[in-house]
Amino acid sequence: MRGTRTTNPRFTPSEGSVTALRPTDAVTPRAAQDLPLPRRRGTASGLPETLGDLHRELLPLDADGRPLHHEKVQALHAGLMGSIHSWELVTAVDGPGTRMTLFLSGCPLQCQYCHNPDTMQLKNGTLQSAEEVLKRIRRYRKVFSASGGGLTISGGEPLFQHKFVRRILRGTKEMGVHTALDTSGFLGRVADDELLADVDLVLLDVKSGNEATYHETTGRSLAPTIAFGDRLAALNKPIWVRFVLVPGLTDAPENIRGVADIVQNWGSVERVEVLPFHNMGEDKWASLGLDYSLKGVQPPSSEQTEAAREVFRARGLTVY
């Protein structure tokens, strides 16, 4: 996900792309759904308060700088089109086998350690139809079958575009391809049981074990992630948990124990990945004119990372 590695700019969408997205205030499309989100204090980012408000930040323009045709705006909000940051083919990352990872734009969190801050805003993506995305996935069916791989939808936060994600998941499952959803769980309430039925594996980022640290790390609340994990466990949906160990931010022993306490309650967790922080995304923050709050922070030592993993192993969890 956005907090674990940087995306490869070689694989930005081009084939089948409609247009790059840019903001304007000329028109405000009707949001598909207004969901209240907690306010982030102490920032100048002006984060909107609802999912609908977040979507209303975007009005695409065509190549001539004119407002995008109304039908395309409707298609975006109906999930017929999506704002796509990039995609890549990877092995042994983002799920089993060789996988196509589709990175969507837009995220309601602002994680301090985000390695792909260029995925935070919906407007920074490229508009592409669900049909074209599924056409690309179809080409790799033999690769997926031979390797036991499949499709992983990541971000950004993929559930920020949940209607588009629903279409891609349904089409992918109709091909018989394994699917994974890489999410923070913060918008888990928009993923109903019908959507989750088309998900074979959830890669769930648990960014902290207590509300204070979660808010400091992301500007948001931990509770929605816990509620989503509870739902997944009740559905017996396979979960791979990811936790990023950041010195001075998430590495306090009580925070690590808090994450482990949460995770051990989910009976469908197959593995926990404790991922050491790295600062490879720092240049991206600078290029976007954003303040990188973790400047100068060094990755945890191998001993620190292993000690964190032992906390999870002590609770009977399989850890990587």
Protein backbone atom coordinates (compact mmCIF):
# COMPACT_ATOMS: atom_id res chain seq x y z
CA MET A 1 0.00 0.00 0.00
CA ARG A 2 0.95 3.65 -0.05
CA GLY A 3 2.81 3.35 3.25
CA THR A 4 5.05 0.43 2.34
CA ARG A 5 6.73 1.18 -0.96
CA THR A 6 6.92 3.75 -3.71
CA THR A 7 5.06 3.15 -6.95
CA ASN A 8 6.88 2.93 -10.26
CA PRO A 9 6.12 5.93 -12.48
CA ARG A 10 6.78 3.84 -15.61
CA PHE A 11 3.36 2.26 -15.32
CA THR A 12 1.09 5.28 -15.25
CA PRO A 13 -2.10 4.65 -17.25
CA SER A 14 -1.92 5.44 -20.92
CA GLU A 15 -3.73 2.78 -22.90
CA GLY A 16 -7.44 3.44 -22.82
CA SER A 17 -6.96 6.57 -20.73
CA VAL A 18 -9.49 9.32 -21.24
CA THR A 19 -7.88 12.39 -19.73
CA ALA A 20 -5.72 13.59 -16.89
CA LEU A 21 -7.73 15.11 -14.06
CA ARG A 22 -7.44 18.71 -12.94
CA PRO A 23 -9.60 20.74 -10.55
CA THR A 24 -11.91 23.66 -11.26
CA ASP A 25 -14.77 25.32 -9.42
CA ALA A 26 -16.99 25.68 -12.48
CA VAL A 27 -19.41 22.84 -11.68
CA THR A 28 -20.11 20.71 -8.62
CA PRO A 29 -21.23 17.17 -9.55
CA ARG A 30 -23.64 15.44 -7.20
CA ALA A 31 -21.79 13.11 -4.84
CA ALA A 32 -22.83 9.50 -4.82
CA GLN A 33 -22.77 9.33 -1.05
CA ASP A 34 -22.04 11.74 1.81
CA LEU A 35 -20.32 9.99 4.68
CA PRO A 36 -19.21 11.99 7.73
CA LEU A 37 -15.48 11.91 8.41
CA PRO A 38 -13.77 13.30 11.51
CA ARG A 39 -12.00 16.64 11.23
CA ARG A 40 -8.23 16.66 11.22
CA ARG A 41 -6.96 19.34 13.53
CA GLY A 42 -3.76 21.31 13.33
CA THR A 43 -3.20 21.12 9.58
CA ALA A 44 -3.57 23.55 6.74
CA SER A 45 -4.75 20.87 4.36
CA GLY A 46 -8.44 21.73 4.77
CA LEU A 47 -9.59 18.14 4.56
CA PRO A 48 -13.27 17.90 3.61
CA GLU A 49 -15.72 16.50 6.12
CA THR A 50 -17.54 13.93 3.99
CA LEU A 51 -16.73 11.49 1.24
CA GLY A 52 -19.00 13.54 -1.01
CA ASP A 53 -17.06 16.70 -0.20
CA LEU A 54 -13.84 14.92 -1.10
CA HIS A 55 -15.29 13.94 -4.46
CA ARG A 56 -16.55 17.48 -5.04
CA GLU A 57 -12.96 18.73 -4.92
CA LEU A 58 -12.60 17.19 -8.36
CA LEU A 59 -14.03 18.42 -11.61
CA PRO A 60 -12.02 17.04 -14.54
CA LEU A 61 -11.01 19.23 -17.45
CA ASP A 62 -10.38 18.09 -20.98
CA ALA A 63 -7.16 18.69 -22.89
CA ASP A 64 -8.31 22.22 -23.84
CA GLY A 65 -8.97 23.22 -20.24
CA ARG A 66 -12.74 23.09 -20.63
CA PRO A 67 -15.02 21.26 -18.17
CA LEU A 68 -15.17 17.57 -18.89
CA HIS A 69 -18.38 16.44 -20.57
CA HIS A 70 -21.17 15.92 -18.06
CA GLU A 71 -21.57 12.25 -19.00
CA LYS A 72 -17.96 11.58 -18.02
CA VAL A 73 -18.41 13.29 -14.68
CA GLN A 74 -21.45 11.09 -14.10
CA ALA A 75 -19.45 8.03 -15.16
CA LEU A 76 -16.77 8.87 -12.61
CA HIS A 77 -19.24 9.08 -9.76
CA ALA A 78 -21.15 6.02 -10.94
CA GLY A 79 -17.97 3.94 -10.96
CA LEU A 80 -17.94 3.43 -14.72
CA MET A 81 -14.63 5.28 -14.73
CA GLY A 82 -11.93 5.60 -12.12
CA SER A 83 -9.09 7.93 -11.24
CA ILE A 84 -6.00 5.74 -11.60
CA HIS A 85 -2.55 6.65 -10.39
CA SER A 86 -0.56 3.71 -11.83
CA TRP A 87 -0.24 -0.04 -12.00
CA GLU A 88 2.57 -2.57 -11.79
CA LEU A 89 3.30 -6.29 -11.98
CA VAL A 90 4.95 -7.66 -8.85
CA THR A 91 5.79 -11.06 -7.38
CA ALA A 92 5.56 -12.00 -3.69
CA VAL A 93 4.26 -8.51 -2.83
CA ASP A 94 0.65 -7.39 -2.29
CA GLY A 95 -0.62 -10.97 -2.05
CA PRO A 96 0.29 -14.45 -3.33
CA GLY A 97 1.89 -15.13 -6.72
CA THR A 98 2.48 -12.67 -9.53
CA ARG A 99 0.04 -9.80 -9.17
CA MET A 100 -1.16 -6.80 -11.05
CA THR A 101 -1.40 -4.04 -8.45
CA LEU A 102 -3.73 -1.24 -9.47
CA PHE A 103 -3.07 2.00 -7.57
CA LEU A 104 -6.10 4.29 -7.38
CA SER A 105 -5.96 7.98 -6.54
CA GLY A 106 -7.64 9.59 -3.57
CA CYS A 107 -7.26 8.96 0.16
CA PRO A 108 -8.97 10.42 3.24
CA LEU A 109 -5.88 9.81 5.41
CA GLN A 110 -2.67 11.80 5.45
CA CYS A 111 -0.17 9.35 6.88
CA GLN A 112 3.08 10.96 7.94
CA TYR A 113 5.07 8.05 6.50
CA CYS A 114 3.16 7.80 3.21
CA HIS A 115 5.62 6.86 0.49
CA ASN A 116 3.28 7.81 -2.34
CA PRO A 117 1.78 11.19 -1.38
CA ASP A 118 0.97 11.78 -5.04
CA THR A 119 -1.87 9.26 -4.61
CA MET A 120 -3.60 11.30 -1.90
CA GLN A 121 -5.68 13.49 -4.19
CA LEU A 122 -8.27 12.11 -6.57
CA LYS A 123 -7.52 14.86 -9.09
CA ASN A 124 -3.93 13.64 -9.55
CA GLY A 125 -5.01 10.46 -11.31
CA THR A 126 -5.88 9.62 -14.87
CA LEU A 127 -9.46 8.87 -15.81
CA GLN A 128 -9.88 5.38 -17.24
CA SER A 129 -12.93 3.23 -17.87
CA ALA A 130 -13.66 0.03 -15.97
CA GLU A 131 -13.88 -1.72 -19.33
CA GLU A 132 -10.32 -0.74 -20.25
CA VAL A 133 -8.96 -1.78 -16.86
CA LEU A 134 -10.64 -5.17 -17.12
CA LYS A 135 -9.27 -5.58 -20.64
CA ARG A 136 -5.75 -5.12 -19.27
CA ILE A 137 -6.35 -7.60 -16.45
CA ARG A 138 -7.69 -10.19 -18.90
CA ARG A 139 -4.36 -10.25 -20.77
CA TYR A 140 -2.56 -11.61 -17.72
CA ARG A 141 -4.90 -14.45 -16.82
CA LYS A 142 -2.38 -17.11 -17.83
CA VAL A 143 0.33 -15.46 -15.73
CA PHE A 144 -2.00 -15.31 -12.74
CA SER A 145 -3.06 -18.92 -13.20
CA ALA A 146 0.51 -20.23 -13.51
CA SER A 147 1.78 -18.32 -10.47
CA GLY A 148 -1.26 -18.46 -8.22
CA GLY A 149 -1.44 -14.68 -8.44
CA GLY A 150 -4.11 -12.19 -9.36
CA LEU A 151 -5.26 -8.59 -8.99
CA THR A 152 -4.62 -6.33 -5.99
CA ILE A 153 -6.43 -2.99 -5.81
CA SER A 154 -4.49 -0.47 -3.75
CA GLY A 155 -4.10 3.29 -3.54
CA GLY A 156 -4.41 5.84 -2.22
CA GLU A 157 -7.39 4.31 -0.54
CA PRO A 158 -9.28 2.08 -3.00
CA LEU A 159 -12.58 2.32 -1.10
CA PHE A 160 -12.56 6.06 -1.78
CA GLN A 161 -13.73 4.93 -5.26
CA HIS A 162 -15.82 2.03 -4.00
CA LYS A 163 -18.28 1.94 -6.91
CA PHE A 164 -15.42 1.65 -9.41
CA VAL A 165 -13.72 -0.96 -7.21
CA ARG A 166 -16.94 -2.95 -7.09
CA ARG A 167 -17.07 -3.12 -10.91
CA ILE A 168 -13.42 -4.11 -11.23
CA LEU A 169 -13.72 -6.82 -8.58
CA ARG A 170 -16.88 -8.28 -10.13
CA GLY A 171 -15.36 -8.35 -13.61
CA THR A 172 -12.13 -9.86 -12.32
CA LYS A 173 -13.92 -12.63 -10.43
CA GLU A 174 -15.94 -13.43 -13.56
CA MET A 175 -12.57 -14.19 -15.19
CA GLY A 176 -11.75 -16.60 -12.36
CA VAL A 177 -8.87 -14.40 -11.13
CA HIS A 178 -7.88 -14.10 -7.46
CA THR A 179 -8.55 -10.66 -5.95
CA ALA A 180 -7.07 -8.71 -3.06
CA LEU A 181 -8.02 -5.36 -1.54
CA ASP A 182 -5.25 -3.28 0.04
CA THR A 183 -6.93 -0.85 2.44
CA SER A 184 -6.63 1.08 5.67
CA GLY A 185 -10.18 0.04 6.53
CA PHE A 186 -11.09 3.64 7.36
CA LEU A 187 -13.84 3.62 4.71
CA GLY A 188 -14.73 -0.01 5.36
CA ARG A 189 -18.40 0.84 5.89
CA VAL A 190 -18.83 1.51 2.15
CA ALA A 191 -17.67 -2.06 1.41
CA ASP A 192 -20.90 -4.00 1.80
CA ASP A 193 -21.12 -7.79 1.88
CA GLU A 194 -21.75 -7.90 -1.88
CA LEU A 195 -18.47 -6.11 -2.59
CA LEU A 196 -16.57 -8.21 -0.08
CA ALA A 197 -17.93 -11.40 -1.64
CA ASP A 198 -15.73 -10.61 -4.65
CA VAL A 199 -12.61 -10.14 -2.47
CA ASP A 200 -10.49 -13.23 -1.79
CA LEU A 201 -7.96 -11.51 0.49
CA VAL A 202 -7.82 -8.23 2.41
CA LEU A 203 -4.46 -6.57 3.06
CA LEU A 204 -5.40 -4.48 6.09
CA ASP A 205 -3.14 -1.68 7.29
CA VAL A 206 -3.35 -1.34 11.05
CA LYS A 207 -1.33 1.80 11.51
CA SER A 208 -1.49 2.06 15.29
CA GLY A 209 -2.80 0.31 18.39
CA ASN A 210 -4.37 3.32 20.10
CA GLU A 211 -6.43 6.33 19.09
CA ALA A 212 -3.86 8.97 20.04
CA THR A 213 -1.06 7.50 17.95
CA TYR A 214 -3.41 6.72 15.06
CA HIS A 215 -4.60 10.32 14.99
CA GLU A 216 -1.04 11.63 15.16
CA THR A 217 0.00 9.30 12.34
CA THR A 218 -2.97 9.75 9.98
CA GLY A 219 -5.11 12.64 11.23
CA ARG A 220 -8.04 10.25 11.58
CA SER A 221 -9.63 7.75 13.94
CA LEU A 222 -8.65 4.11 14.56
CA ALA A 223 -12.20 2.94 15.34
CA PRO A 224 -13.36 2.44 11.70
CA THR A 225 -10.40 0.14 11.01
CA ILE A 226 -11.21 -1.99 14.05
CA ALA A 227 -14.88 -2.16 13.04
CA PHE A 228 -13.90 -3.23 9.52
CA GLY A 229 -11.53 -5.90 10.83
CA ASP A 230 -14.30 -7.20 13.09
CA ARG A 231 -16.61 -7.50 10.06
CA LEU A 232 -13.97 -9.31 8.02
CA ALA A 233 -13.35 -11.78 10.85
CA ALA A 234 -17.09 -12.40 11.23
CA LEU A 235 -17.22 -13.18 7.50
CA ASN A 236 -14.13 -15.40 7.86
CA LYS A 237 -12.47 -13.30 5.16
CA PRO A 238 -8.71 -13.96 4.95
CA ILE A 239 -6.67 -11.02 6.26
CA TRP A 240 -3.01 -10.14 5.94
CA VAL A 241 -2.26 -7.40 8.46
CA ARG A 242 0.39 -4.79 7.75
CA PHE A 243 1.99 -2.63 10.40
CA VAL A 244 4.69 -0.06 9.60
CA LEU A 245 7.28 0.39 12.32
CA VAL A 246 8.32 4.07 12.42
CA PRO A 247 10.90 5.15 15.00
CA GLY A 248 9.51 7.87 17.23
CA LEU A 249 5.98 7.47 15.87
CA THR A 250 4.63 3.92 15.97
CA ASP A 251 7.44 2.03 17.72
CA ALA A 252 6.46 2.60 21.36
CA PRO A 253 6.14 -0.81 23.07
CA GLU A 254 2.60 -0.04 24.26
CA ASN A 255 1.57 0.89 20.72
CA ILE A 256 2.97 -2.33 19.26
CA ARG A 257 1.23 -4.35 21.98
CA GLY A 258 -1.97 -2.46 21.19
CA VAL A 259 -1.82 -3.45 17.54
CA ALA A 260 -1.16 -7.07 18.51
CA ASP A 261 -4.08 -7.03 20.96
CA ILE A 262 -6.41 -5.83 18.19
CA VAL A 263 -5.16 -8.27 15.58
CA GLN A 264 -5.27 -11.38 17.77
CA ASN A 265 -9.05 -10.95 18.06
CA TRP A 266 -9.51 -11.48 14.33
CA GLY A 267 -9.63 -15.22 13.74
CA SER A 268 -9.23 -14.95 9.98
CA VAL A 269 -5.79 -13.29 10.11
CA GLU A 270 -3.40 -15.49 8.11
CA ARG A 271 -0.25 -13.45 8.63
CA VAL A 272 1.13 -10.21 10.03
CA GLU A 273 3.76 -8.21 8.17
CA VAL A 274 5.84 -5.83 10.30
CA LEU A 275 7.34 -3.46 7.76
CA PRO A 276 10.31 -1.28 8.70
CA PHE A 277 9.89 2.38 7.80
CA HIS A 278 12.05 3.81 5.02
CA ASN A 279 12.28 7.35 3.70
CA MET A 280 12.34 6.59 -0.03
CA GLY A 281 9.22 8.73 -0.54
CA GLU A 282 10.75 11.91 0.90
CA ASP A 283 11.59 13.35 -2.52
CA LYS A 284 7.96 12.95 -3.60
CA TRP A 285 6.79 15.10 -0.69
CA ALA A 286 9.29 17.78 -1.68
CA SER A 287 8.27 17.68 -5.34
CA LEU A 288 4.64 18.24 -4.32
CA GLY A 289 5.60 21.17 -2.10
CA LEU A 290 4.52 19.27 1.01
CA ASP A 291 6.22 19.31 4.39
CA TYR A 292 7.71 15.92 5.21
CA SER A 293 7.40 15.62 8.98
CA LEU A 294 9.67 12.56 9.23
CA LYS A 295 12.69 14.19 7.61
CA GLY A 296 15.84 12.83 9.22
CA VAL A 297 14.12 9.82 10.77
CA GLN A 298 16.17 6.69 10.17
CA PRO A 299 14.73 3.21 9.53
CA PRO A 300 14.49 0.92 12.57
CA SER A 301 17.35 -1.49 13.10
CA SER A 302 16.89 -5.15 12.25
CA GLU A 303 16.91 -5.86 16.00
CA GLN A 304 14.10 -3.36 16.61
CA THR A 305 12.04 -4.79 13.76
CA GLU A 306 12.53 -8.35 14.97
CA ALA A 307 11.59 -7.37 18.53
CA ALA A 308 8.32 -5.92 17.21
CA ARG A 309 7.64 -9.12 15.29
CA GLU A 310 8.14 -11.15 18.45
CA VAL A 311 5.28 -9.28 20.12
CA PHE A 312 2.93 -10.67 17.47
CA ARG A 313 4.47 -14.15 17.50
CA ALA A 314 3.93 -14.31 21.26
CA ARG A 315 0.21 -14.10 20.55
CA GLY A 316 0.34 -17.10 18.22
CA LEU A 317 0.27 -15.09 14.99
CA THR A 318 2.25 -15.98 11.86
CA VAL A 319 4.65 -13.09 11.29
CA TYR A 320 6.82 -11.92 8.40
